[in-house]
Amino acid sequence: LEADVRRRAGDRVEVVAIGRAGYTITDEATYFREKGYRFEPDMVILVSPLNDVSDLSRRVQYRELLKQLSGYERRHSFLQATIAPIRSTALYNFLYRTWVYLAYRTSLPVGAIDLRPQHEEVSFKEARNREWSPAYTGYFERYCQLLGAFHAEIERDGRRFLYAIFPDVEQMDPADPETMQRHLRACADGKGIARLDLLPALRAASRDR
């Protein structure tokens, strides 16, 4: 991304990628307050996949859990050596979700940390439904409020904020109802947030392949 932006805007551009699988709006805002602001960015780009709303339905957010896991791993060096190479990969996210599922479904302690609060109260699959349940709608409304607050916080200090909506691969099908995109666009527009919906471009690119 940095190389592409530099070709268009010059060598004075620096891009710092700090996205992480499993994060949602609360984790992202907390990370920025704790560490991200130190980079002194001129612009913050928040990329939102469709599962951010269901991730918000966890009783304990992912960043808080990572802090607990990190402390546990530091006390067990063999775990730290094993996990470190895959921590930011899709494999780590898959193993983590499997761990949470087993802990929740069996009601048994799987490992030393109770992961049952990480279970999502609403399914990420509902994002693509034509109609949402009241529970999912409630979490979306909360997400929209948090997005507006994060945007205001970023731009309060003179920075620019861009909200990018990233689709699921299943949405390359033109028959997809684009329910989440419609709601996110309305949320961003209602709060004056600059936005970029990536679905049209990615759908067109998938047709050209």
Protein backbone atom coordinates (compact mmCIF):
# COMPACT_ATOMS: atom_id res chain seq x y z
CA LEU A 1 0.00 0.00 0.00
CA GLU A 2 2.78 2.42 0.91
CA ALA A 3 4.59 1.80 -2.40
CA ASP A 4 1.38 2.41 -4.36
CA VAL A 5 0.57 5.62 -2.46
CA ARG A 6 4.11 6.90 -2.92
CA ARG A 7 3.88 6.39 -6.67
CA ARG A 8 0.79 8.58 -6.67
CA ALA A 9 1.62 11.15 -3.97
CA GLY A 10 5.41 11.22 -3.57
CA ASP A 11 8.05 9.77 -1.26
CA ARG A 12 7.03 11.74 1.82
CA VAL A 13 4.12 9.35 2.48
CA GLU A 14 4.47 6.70 5.19
CA VAL A 15 1.87 3.97 5.74
CA VAL A 16 1.67 2.12 9.06
CA ALA A 17 -0.59 -0.97 9.03
CA ILE A 18 -1.82 -1.89 12.49
CA GLY A 19 -4.95 -3.91 11.65
CA ARG A 20 -5.47 -7.19 13.43
CA ALA A 21 -7.81 -10.15 12.92
CA GLY A 22 -10.44 -10.32 15.65
CA TYR A 23 -10.52 -6.59 16.44
CA THR A 24 -13.73 -4.59 16.32
CA ILE A 25 -14.44 -0.88 16.84
CA THR A 26 -13.79 -0.93 20.61
CA ASP A 27 -10.44 -2.69 20.19
CA GLU A 28 -9.40 -0.34 17.39
CA ALA A 29 -10.28 2.80 19.31
CA THR A 30 -8.49 1.50 22.43
CA TYR A 31 -5.39 0.61 20.42
CA PHE A 32 -5.27 4.10 18.94
CA ARG A 33 -5.54 5.73 22.37
CA GLU A 34 -2.86 3.46 23.85
CA LYS A 35 -0.37 3.27 20.96
CA GLY A 36 -1.59 4.47 17.58
CA TYR A 37 -1.48 8.19 18.37
CA ARG A 38 2.30 7.93 18.86
CA PHE A 39 2.72 7.64 15.08
CA GLU A 40 1.23 11.14 14.77
CA PRO A 41 -0.84 10.21 11.70
CA ASP A 42 -2.25 12.80 9.33
CA MET A 43 -4.98 10.32 8.36
CA VAL A 44 -6.51 7.28 10.04
CA ILE A 45 -8.14 4.69 7.75
CA LEU A 46 -10.47 2.28 9.51
CA VAL A 47 -11.25 -0.85 7.48
CA SER A 48 -14.41 -2.63 8.59
CA PRO A 49 -15.26 -6.20 7.52
CA LEU A 50 -18.81 -7.45 7.97
CA ASN A 51 -18.12 -9.34 11.21
CA ASP A 52 -17.32 -6.23 13.27
CA VAL A 53 -20.89 -5.94 14.55
CA SER A 54 -21.09 -9.56 15.75
CA ASP A 55 -17.60 -9.21 17.31
CA LEU A 56 -19.04 -6.35 19.35
CA SER A 57 -21.50 -8.80 20.94
CA ARG A 58 -18.76 -10.52 22.96
CA ARG A 59 -18.91 -9.84 26.68
CA VAL A 60 -15.12 -9.39 26.73
CA GLN A 61 -13.46 -7.70 23.78
CA TYR A 62 -10.62 -9.36 21.91
CA ARG A 63 -7.89 -6.87 22.83
CA GLU A 64 -8.56 -7.42 26.52
CA LEU A 65 -8.36 -11.18 26.02
CA LEU A 66 -5.04 -10.83 24.18
CA LYS A 67 -3.59 -9.04 27.17
CA GLN A 68 -4.60 -11.97 29.37
CA LEU A 69 -3.17 -14.49 26.89
CA SER A 70 0.06 -12.54 26.54
CA GLY A 71 0.61 -12.66 30.29
CA TYR A 72 -0.10 -16.38 30.34
CA GLU A 73 2.31 -17.03 27.46
CA ARG A 74 5.09 -15.05 29.12
CA ARG A 75 4.84 -17.37 32.10
CA HIS A 76 5.17 -20.39 29.77
CA SER A 77 8.06 -19.85 27.36
CA PHE A 78 7.27 -22.90 25.22
CA LEU A 79 3.86 -21.41 24.37
CA GLN A 80 5.38 -18.06 23.50
CA ALA A 81 7.89 -19.69 21.13
CA THR A 82 5.15 -21.75 19.47
CA ILE A 83 2.55 -19.02 19.06
CA ALA A 84 4.71 -15.99 18.20
CA PRO A 85 5.30 -16.93 14.51
CA ILE A 86 1.57 -17.32 13.75
CA ARG A 87 0.02 -14.67 16.01
CA SER A 88 -1.03 -12.28 13.21
CA THR A 89 -2.13 -14.96 10.75
CA ALA A 90 -5.48 -16.41 9.67
CA LEU A 91 -4.39 -19.72 11.21
CA TYR A 92 -4.11 -18.12 14.65
CA ASN A 93 -7.55 -16.56 14.27
CA PHE A 94 -9.03 -19.93 13.22
CA LEU A 95 -7.46 -21.77 16.18
CA TYR A 96 -8.61 -19.04 18.54
CA ARG A 97 -12.21 -19.24 17.28
CA THR A 98 -12.15 -23.04 17.60
CA TRP A 99 -10.88 -22.68 21.16
CA VAL A 100 -13.69 -20.26 22.02
CA TYR A 101 -16.30 -22.53 20.43
CA LEU A 102 -15.14 -25.59 22.37
CA ALA A 103 -15.06 -23.68 25.62
CA TYR A 104 -18.56 -22.34 25.06
CA ARG A 105 -20.19 -25.54 23.80
CA THR A 106 -18.70 -27.86 26.40
CA SER A 107 -18.92 -25.47 29.36
CA LEU A 108 -15.54 -26.87 30.35
CA PRO A 109 -12.33 -24.92 30.94
CA VAL A 110 -10.26 -25.28 27.76
CA GLY A 111 -6.85 -24.03 28.85
CA ALA A 112 -6.09 -21.74 31.76
CA ILE A 113 -8.26 -18.79 30.66
CA ASP A 114 -12.05 -18.82 30.53
CA LEU A 115 -12.96 -18.00 26.93
CA ARG A 116 -16.72 -18.32 27.27
CA PRO A 117 -17.19 -14.51 27.49
CA GLN A 118 -15.68 -14.38 23.98
CA HIS A 119 -18.68 -16.17 22.51
CA GLU A 120 -20.61 -13.91 20.12
CA GLU A 121 -24.21 -13.33 21.14
CA VAL A 122 -25.25 -12.77 17.51
CA SER A 123 -23.94 -14.58 14.43
CA PHE A 124 -21.69 -12.86 11.90
CA LYS A 125 -23.74 -14.63 9.19
CA GLU A 126 -26.70 -12.38 9.98
CA ALA A 127 -24.85 -9.42 8.44
CA ARG A 128 -25.81 -10.68 4.99
CA ASN A 129 -29.48 -11.37 5.77
CA ARG A 130 -32.09 -9.17 4.11
CA GLU A 131 -33.64 -8.49 7.51
CA TRP A 132 -31.93 -8.38 10.90
CA SER A 133 -33.14 -9.62 14.26
CA PRO A 134 -33.79 -7.04 17.01
CA ALA A 135 -30.67 -8.25 18.84
CA TYR A 136 -28.44 -7.78 15.80
CA THR A 137 -30.00 -4.40 15.06
CA GLY A 138 -29.22 -3.32 18.62
CA TYR A 139 -25.55 -4.21 18.27
CA PHE A 140 -25.40 -2.42 14.91
CA GLU A 141 -26.82 0.74 16.46
CA ARG A 142 -24.18 0.56 19.18
CA TYR A 143 -21.48 0.03 16.54
CA CYS A 144 -22.70 3.09 14.64
CA GLN A 145 -22.56 5.22 17.80
CA LEU A 146 -19.02 4.04 18.58
CA LEU A 147 -17.92 4.70 15.00
CA GLY A 148 -19.23 8.25 15.22
CA ALA A 149 -17.44 8.82 18.52
CA PHE A 150 -14.14 7.42 17.17
CA HIS A 151 -14.41 9.61 14.06
CA ALA A 152 -15.01 12.69 16.19
CA GLU A 153 -12.06 11.81 18.43
CA ILE A 154 -9.69 11.41 15.47
CA GLU A 155 -10.73 14.61 13.70
CA ARG A 156 -10.80 16.67 16.89
CA ASP A 157 -7.00 16.99 16.71
CA GLY A 158 -6.92 17.97 13.04
CA ARG A 159 -6.43 14.49 11.60
CA ARG A 160 -8.47 13.12 8.71
CA PHE A 161 -10.55 9.96 9.00
CA LEU A 162 -11.58 7.55 6.23
CA TYR A 163 -13.95 4.64 6.76
CA ALA A 164 -13.49 1.72 4.34
CA ILE A 165 -16.18 -1.01 4.13
CA PHE A 166 -14.64 -4.36 3.19
CA PRO A 167 -17.01 -7.05 1.82
CA ASP A 168 -17.11 -10.80 2.32
CA VAL A 169 -16.08 -13.04 -0.56
CA GLU A 170 -19.66 -14.36 -0.79
CA GLN A 171 -20.77 -10.84 -1.72
CA MET A 172 -19.07 -11.07 -5.09
CA ASP A 173 -22.37 -12.63 -6.13
CA PRO A 174 -24.52 -9.78 -7.57
CA ALA A 175 -27.57 -11.39 -5.93
CA ASP A 176 -26.26 -10.47 -2.47
CA PRO A 177 -28.68 -7.98 -0.84
CA GLU A 178 -25.83 -5.70 0.41
CA THR A 179 -27.73 -5.19 3.67
CA MET A 180 -24.69 -4.34 5.78
CA GLN A 181 -23.26 -1.99 3.17
CA ARG A 182 -26.52 -0.05 2.99
CA HIS A 183 -26.68 0.31 6.76
CA LEU A 184 -22.99 1.26 7.11
CA ARG A 185 -23.24 3.83 4.33
CA ALA A 186 -26.27 5.38 6.01
CA CYS A 187 -24.47 5.40 9.37
CA ALA A 188 -21.35 7.06 7.95
CA ASP A 189 -23.30 9.61 5.93
CA GLY A 190 -25.47 10.49 8.91
CA LYS A 191 -22.38 11.28 10.98
CA GLY A 192 -20.47 13.09 8.25
CA ILE A 193 -17.80 10.38 7.92
CA ALA A 194 -15.84 10.11 4.67
CA ARG A 195 -16.33 6.55 3.45
CA LEU A 196 -15.22 4.11 0.76
CA ASP A 197 -17.37 1.08 -0.09
CA LEU A 198 -15.04 -1.46 -1.71
CA LEU A 199 -17.78 -3.86 -2.83
CA PRO A 200 -18.47 -2.38 -6.31
CA ALA A 201 -14.79 -2.34 -7.32
CA LEU A 202 -14.06 -5.82 -5.95
CA ARG A 203 -17.20 -7.26 -7.51
CA ALA A 204 -16.22 -5.81 -10.89
CA ALA A 205 -12.69 -7.18 -10.52
CA SER A 206 -14.06 -10.64 -9.72
CA ARG A 207 -16.11 -10.61 -12.92
CA ASP A 208 -13.03 -9.73 -14.95
CA ARG A 209 -10.99 -12.68 -13.67
